[in-house]
C-alpha cells in the first residue's frame, strides 16, 4: 500500500527527501521519483537510482532522494504532486506519493 505524504521546501533549495517503503526489501530494485503539476501530467523532473536516488537501507525499504536547487529553480512556487515507484519491468508499483509545496523565496537570486 502506497504511503501518502506532503513534502514542503523552498524553490531553489537543495533537499534530501527520505522515503520508507514500510515492510518491503527494496534491495536491487529500480526506483524513480517524479514531480509533476498534477497526477497523469508529464514529470517536470525525475530521479532514479544512481541519478539522485540512493538506497540507504534496502532490507527496511529506505531510500533518499536528492533534489538539487536546479531542479526547482525554474518552477513557480505553489502546489505540485510527487510519486515514488518501483519501475522494474513487470513489477511497477507506486510506493509513496503526495503533495509537494514549493514555498516562495523571500529574496530572488
N, C-alpha and C. Protein backbone atom coordinates (compact mmCIF):
# COMPACT_ATOMS: atom_id res chain seq x y z
N UNK A 1 0.84 -1.18 0.00
CA UNK A 1 0.00 0.00 0.00
C UNK A 1 0.89 1.25 0.00
N UNK A 2 0.64 2.14 -0.90
CA UNK A 2 1.43 3.37 -1.03
C UNK A 2 1.15 4.31 0.14
N UNK A 3 2.19 4.97 0.57
CA UNK A 3 2.09 5.91 1.68
C UNK A 3 1.95 7.32 1.12
N UNK A 4 0.98 8.08 1.63
CA UNK A 4 0.75 9.46 1.18
C UNK A 4 1.41 10.42 2.18
N UNK A 5 2.25 11.33 1.65
CA UNK A 5 2.99 12.27 2.49
C UNK A 5 3.10 13.62 1.78
N UNK A 6 3.00 14.69 2.54
CA UNK A 6 3.21 16.03 1.98
C UNK A 6 4.66 16.44 2.21
N UNK A 7 5.27 17.00 1.16
CA UNK A 7 6.64 17.50 1.22
C UNK A 7 6.58 19.00 0.98
N UNK A 8 7.39 19.75 1.70
CA UNK A 8 7.39 21.20 1.55
C UNK A 8 8.82 21.73 1.71
N UNK A 9 9.23 22.57 0.75
CA UNK A 9 10.52 23.25 0.84
C UNK A 9 10.50 24.46 -0.10
N UNK A 10 11.58 25.25 -0.06
CA UNK A 10 11.64 26.48 -0.85
C UNK A 10 12.12 26.22 -2.28
N UNK A 11 11.61 27.01 -3.21
CA UNK A 11 12.08 26.99 -4.59
C UNK A 11 13.59 27.19 -4.58
N UNK A 12 14.33 26.40 -5.36
CA UNK A 12 15.77 26.57 -5.49
C UNK A 12 16.57 26.12 -4.29
N UNK A 13 16.03 25.22 -3.50
CA UNK A 13 16.72 24.74 -2.31
C UNK A 13 17.22 23.32 -2.55
N UNK A 14 18.42 22.99 -2.06
CA UNK A 14 18.91 21.62 -2.08
C UNK A 14 18.26 20.86 -0.94
N UNK A 15 17.60 19.74 -1.25
CA UNK A 15 16.87 18.99 -0.23
C UNK A 15 17.09 17.50 -0.44
N UNK A 16 17.12 16.76 0.66
CA UNK A 16 17.11 15.30 0.58
C UNK A 16 15.81 14.82 1.21
N UNK A 17 15.05 14.07 0.43
CA UNK A 17 13.78 13.52 0.89
C UNK A 17 14.00 12.04 1.20
N UNK A 18 13.67 11.62 2.40
CA UNK A 18 13.79 10.21 2.78
C UNK A 18 12.43 9.54 2.60
N UNK A 19 12.43 8.44 1.87
CA UNK A 19 11.21 7.67 1.62
C UNK A 19 11.39 6.29 2.24
N UNK A 20 10.37 5.81 2.95
CA UNK A 20 10.41 4.48 3.53
C UNK A 20 9.23 3.67 3.00
N UNK A 21 9.54 2.59 2.31
CA UNK A 21 8.53 1.65 1.82
C UNK A 21 8.42 0.57 2.90
N UNK A 22 7.61 0.84 3.90
CA UNK A 22 7.49 0.00 5.08
C UNK A 22 7.15 -1.44 4.73
N UNK A 23 7.93 -2.36 5.31
CA UNK A 23 7.66 -3.78 5.13
C UNK A 23 8.18 -4.37 3.84
N UNK A 24 8.95 -3.59 3.06
CA UNK A 24 9.47 -4.08 1.79
C UNK A 24 10.99 -4.08 1.79
N UNK A 25 11.57 -5.11 1.21
CA UNK A 25 13.01 -5.17 0.98
C UNK A 25 13.23 -4.67 -0.44
N UNK A 26 13.79 -3.47 -0.58
CA UNK A 26 13.95 -2.85 -1.90
C UNK A 26 15.36 -3.05 -2.47
N UNK A 27 16.14 -3.92 -1.86
CA UNK A 27 17.50 -4.18 -2.33
C UNK A 27 17.47 -4.61 -3.80
N UNK A 28 18.23 -3.91 -4.64
CA UNK A 28 18.32 -4.25 -6.05
C UNK A 28 17.19 -3.73 -6.92
N UNK A 29 16.24 -3.05 -6.33
CA UNK A 29 15.11 -2.51 -7.11
C UNK A 29 15.54 -1.29 -7.93
N UNK A 30 14.85 -1.07 -9.04
CA UNK A 30 14.99 0.15 -9.82
C UNK A 30 13.85 1.07 -9.39
N UNK A 31 14.21 2.26 -8.94
CA UNK A 31 13.23 3.19 -8.39
C UNK A 31 13.23 4.51 -9.16
N UNK A 32 12.10 5.20 -9.13
CA UNK A 32 12.00 6.52 -9.74
C UNK A 32 11.18 7.43 -8.83
N UNK A 33 11.56 8.69 -8.77
CA UNK A 33 10.86 9.72 -8.02
C UNK A 33 10.57 10.83 -9.01
N UNK A 34 9.31 11.22 -9.16
CA UNK A 34 8.93 12.23 -10.14
C UNK A 34 8.08 13.32 -9.51
N UNK A 35 8.20 14.53 -10.05
CA UNK A 35 7.38 15.67 -9.65
C UNK A 35 6.67 16.19 -10.89
N UNK A 36 5.37 16.49 -10.75
CA UNK A 36 4.57 16.99 -11.88
C UNK A 36 3.57 18.02 -11.38
N UNK A 37 2.92 18.71 -12.32
CA UNK A 37 1.91 19.71 -11.95
C UNK A 37 0.61 19.04 -11.48
N UNK A 38 0.40 17.80 -11.86
CA UNK A 38 -0.80 17.07 -11.45
C UNK A 38 -0.64 15.60 -11.80
N UNK A 39 -1.47 14.76 -11.20
CA UNK A 39 -1.40 13.33 -11.48
C UNK A 39 -1.71 13.07 -12.95
N UNK A 40 -0.90 12.26 -13.60
CA UNK A 40 -1.06 11.95 -15.01
C UNK A 40 -0.34 12.93 -15.93
N UNK A 41 0.20 14.01 -15.38
CA UNK A 41 0.91 15.01 -16.19
C UNK A 41 2.36 14.56 -16.43
N UNK A 42 2.97 15.12 -17.44
CA UNK A 42 4.37 14.84 -17.74
C UNK A 42 5.25 15.34 -16.59
N UNK A 43 6.17 14.51 -16.10
CA UNK A 43 7.02 14.94 -14.99
C UNK A 43 7.87 16.17 -15.34
N UNK A 44 8.03 17.05 -14.36
CA UNK A 44 8.90 18.22 -14.50
C UNK A 44 10.34 17.82 -14.28
N UNK A 45 10.57 16.85 -13.40
CA UNK A 45 11.88 16.23 -13.23
C UNK A 45 11.69 14.86 -12.59
N UNK A 46 12.66 13.98 -12.86
CA UNK A 46 12.62 12.61 -12.34
C UNK A 46 14.01 12.24 -11.83
N UNK A 47 14.04 11.52 -10.74
CA UNK A 47 15.27 10.99 -10.18
C UNK A 47 15.19 9.46 -10.22
N UNK A 48 16.33 8.81 -10.42
CA UNK A 48 16.39 7.35 -10.44
C UNK A 48 17.58 6.88 -9.60
N UNK A 49 17.66 5.58 -9.34
CA UNK A 49 18.77 5.03 -8.58
C UNK A 49 20.07 5.34 -9.32
N UNK A 50 21.03 5.91 -8.63
CA UNK A 50 22.30 6.29 -9.23
C UNK A 50 22.28 7.68 -9.84
N UNK A 51 21.10 8.26 -9.97
CA UNK A 51 20.96 9.61 -10.53
C UNK A 51 19.98 10.40 -9.65
N UNK A 52 20.35 10.48 -8.36
CA UNK A 52 19.53 11.23 -7.42
C UNK A 52 18.91 10.38 -6.33
N UNK A 53 18.74 9.08 -6.58
CA UNK A 53 18.20 8.18 -5.56
C UNK A 53 19.31 7.26 -5.06
N UNK A 54 19.39 7.16 -3.74
CA UNK A 54 20.33 6.25 -3.09
C UNK A 54 19.54 5.35 -2.15
N UNK A 55 19.64 4.04 -2.35
CA UNK A 55 19.02 3.11 -1.42
C UNK A 55 19.92 3.06 -0.19
N UNK A 56 19.42 3.53 0.95
CA UNK A 56 20.23 3.65 2.15
C UNK A 56 20.06 2.47 3.11
N UNK A 57 18.92 1.79 3.05
CA UNK A 57 18.66 0.61 3.89
C UNK A 57 17.67 -0.27 3.14
N UNK A 58 18.20 -1.02 2.16
CA UNK A 58 17.36 -1.85 1.31
C UNK A 58 16.45 -2.81 2.06
N UNK A 59 16.95 -3.59 3.02
CA UNK A 59 16.11 -4.54 3.73
C UNK A 59 14.92 -3.90 4.46
N UNK A 60 15.06 -2.64 4.84
CA UNK A 60 13.97 -1.94 5.54
C UNK A 60 13.24 -0.94 4.65
N UNK A 61 13.50 -0.97 3.33
CA UNK A 61 12.75 -0.15 2.39
C UNK A 61 13.05 1.33 2.40
N UNK A 62 14.26 1.72 2.82
CA UNK A 62 14.58 3.15 2.96
C UNK A 62 15.47 3.62 1.81
N UNK A 63 15.06 4.75 1.18
CA UNK A 63 15.90 5.37 0.17
C UNK A 63 15.81 6.88 0.27
N UNK A 64 16.88 7.55 -0.15
CA UNK A 64 16.94 9.01 -0.14
C UNK A 64 16.89 9.54 -1.56
N UNK A 65 16.18 10.66 -1.71
CA UNK A 65 16.09 11.33 -3.00
C UNK A 65 16.73 12.70 -2.85
N UNK A 66 17.80 12.95 -3.62
CA UNK A 66 18.49 14.24 -3.59
C UNK A 66 17.87 15.15 -4.65
N UNK A 67 17.24 16.21 -4.19
CA UNK A 67 16.66 17.21 -5.10
C UNK A 67 17.58 18.41 -5.07
N UNK A 68 18.14 18.73 -6.23
CA UNK A 68 19.09 19.84 -6.34
C UNK A 68 18.34 21.16 -6.52
N UNK A 69 18.99 22.24 -6.15
CA UNK A 69 18.39 23.56 -6.33
C UNK A 69 17.97 23.79 -7.77
N UNK A 70 18.75 23.30 -8.71
CA UNK A 70 18.46 23.50 -10.14
C UNK A 70 17.21 22.74 -10.60
N UNK A 71 16.77 21.73 -9.85
CA UNK A 71 15.54 21.00 -10.21
C UNK A 71 14.31 21.88 -10.06
N UNK A 72 14.35 22.84 -9.13
CA UNK A 72 13.17 23.67 -8.88
C UNK A 72 13.38 25.15 -9.18
N UNK A 73 14.61 25.55 -9.55
CA UNK A 73 14.88 26.96 -9.83
C UNK A 73 13.89 27.58 -10.81
N UNK A 74 13.52 26.86 -11.84
CA UNK A 74 12.64 27.41 -12.87
C UNK A 74 11.15 27.22 -12.61
N UNK A 75 10.81 26.65 -11.46
CA UNK A 75 9.40 26.39 -11.15
C UNK A 75 8.82 27.51 -10.30
N UNK A 76 7.54 27.76 -10.49
CA UNK A 76 6.84 28.75 -9.68
C UNK A 76 6.53 28.15 -8.31
N UNK A 77 6.44 28.99 -7.32
CA UNK A 77 6.01 28.49 -6.01
C UNK A 77 4.56 28.02 -6.14
N UNK A 78 4.18 27.09 -5.28
CA UNK A 78 2.81 26.58 -5.33
C UNK A 78 2.77 25.08 -5.17
N UNK A 79 1.65 24.51 -5.56
CA UNK A 79 1.41 23.09 -5.34
C UNK A 79 1.72 22.21 -6.54
N UNK A 80 2.36 21.10 -6.27
CA UNK A 80 2.70 20.08 -7.26
C UNK A 80 2.38 18.72 -6.64
N UNK A 81 2.60 17.66 -7.39
CA UNK A 81 2.44 16.31 -6.86
C UNK A 81 3.73 15.55 -7.09
N UNK A 82 3.95 14.52 -6.26
CA UNK A 82 5.15 13.68 -6.41
C UNK A 82 4.74 12.22 -6.28
N UNK A 83 5.62 11.38 -6.79
CA UNK A 83 5.37 9.94 -6.76
C UNK A 83 6.72 9.22 -6.73
N UNK A 84 6.83 8.21 -5.87
CA UNK A 84 8.00 7.35 -5.84
C UNK A 84 7.51 5.94 -6.17
N UNK A 85 8.17 5.31 -7.14
CA UNK A 85 7.69 3.99 -7.53
C UNK A 85 8.81 3.05 -7.93
N UNK A 86 8.50 1.77 -7.86
CA UNK A 86 9.38 0.75 -8.39
C UNK A 86 9.10 0.69 -9.88
N UNK A 87 10.16 0.64 -10.70
CA UNK A 87 9.94 0.65 -12.15
C UNK A 87 10.55 -0.56 -12.84
N UNK A 88 10.82 -1.64 -12.09
CA UNK A 88 11.30 -2.88 -12.72
C UNK A 88 10.18 -3.46 -13.58
N UNK A 89 10.53 -3.93 -14.79
CA UNK A 89 9.54 -4.49 -15.71
C UNK A 89 8.72 -5.58 -15.03
N UNK A 90 7.41 -5.48 -15.16
CA UNK A 90 6.50 -6.46 -14.58
C UNK A 90 6.28 -6.29 -13.09
N UNK A 91 6.95 -5.33 -12.47
CA UNK A 91 6.86 -5.11 -11.02
C UNK A 91 6.56 -3.65 -10.68
N UNK A 92 6.05 -2.88 -11.63
CA UNK A 92 5.84 -1.45 -11.38
C UNK A 92 4.79 -1.25 -10.28
N UNK A 93 5.21 -0.51 -9.24
CA UNK A 93 4.35 -0.29 -8.08
C UNK A 93 4.63 1.07 -7.49
N UNK A 94 3.58 1.83 -7.20
CA UNK A 94 3.74 3.10 -6.51
C UNK A 94 3.99 2.79 -5.03
N UNK A 95 5.09 3.33 -4.50
CA UNK A 95 5.47 3.09 -3.10
C UNK A 95 5.02 4.23 -2.20
N UNK A 96 5.07 5.45 -2.70
CA UNK A 96 4.69 6.63 -1.92
C UNK A 96 4.31 7.74 -2.90
N UNK A 97 3.49 8.67 -2.42
CA UNK A 97 3.03 9.77 -3.29
C UNK A 97 2.50 10.88 -2.39
N UNK A 98 2.19 12.02 -3.00
CA UNK A 98 1.59 13.09 -2.22
C UNK A 98 1.75 14.44 -2.86
N UNK A 99 1.50 15.45 -2.06
CA UNK A 99 1.60 16.83 -2.50
C UNK A 99 3.01 17.35 -2.23
N UNK A 100 3.45 18.25 -3.08
CA UNK A 100 4.72 18.95 -2.91
C UNK A 100 4.42 20.43 -2.93
N UNK A 101 4.73 21.11 -1.84
CA UNK A 101 4.54 22.55 -1.78
C UNK A 101 5.90 23.21 -1.94
N UNK A 102 6.02 24.01 -3.00
CA UNK A 102 7.23 24.82 -3.19
C UNK A 102 6.93 26.21 -2.64
N UNK A 103 7.63 26.56 -1.58
CA UNK A 103 7.43 27.87 -0.96
C UNK A 103 8.26 28.92 -1.68
N UNK A 104 7.73 30.14 -1.79
CA UNK A 104 8.48 31.19 -2.48
C UNK A 104 9.65 31.67 -1.63
N UNK A 105 10.69 32.11 -2.30
CA UNK A 105 11.83 32.71 -1.61
C UNK A 105 11.50 34.16 -1.29
N UNK A 106 12.02 34.62 -0.20
CA UNK A 106 11.80 35.99 0.20
C UNK A 106 12.58 36.95 -0.71
N UNK A 107 13.80 36.55 -1.04
CA UNK A 107 14.67 37.36 -1.90
C UNK A 107 15.03 36.55 -3.12
N UNK A 108 14.75 37.10 -4.29
CA UNK A 108 15.12 36.41 -5.53
C UNK A 108 16.63 36.45 -5.72
N UNK A 109 17.18 35.35 -6.28
CA UNK A 109 18.62 35.31 -6.53
C UNK A 109 18.90 35.17 -8.01
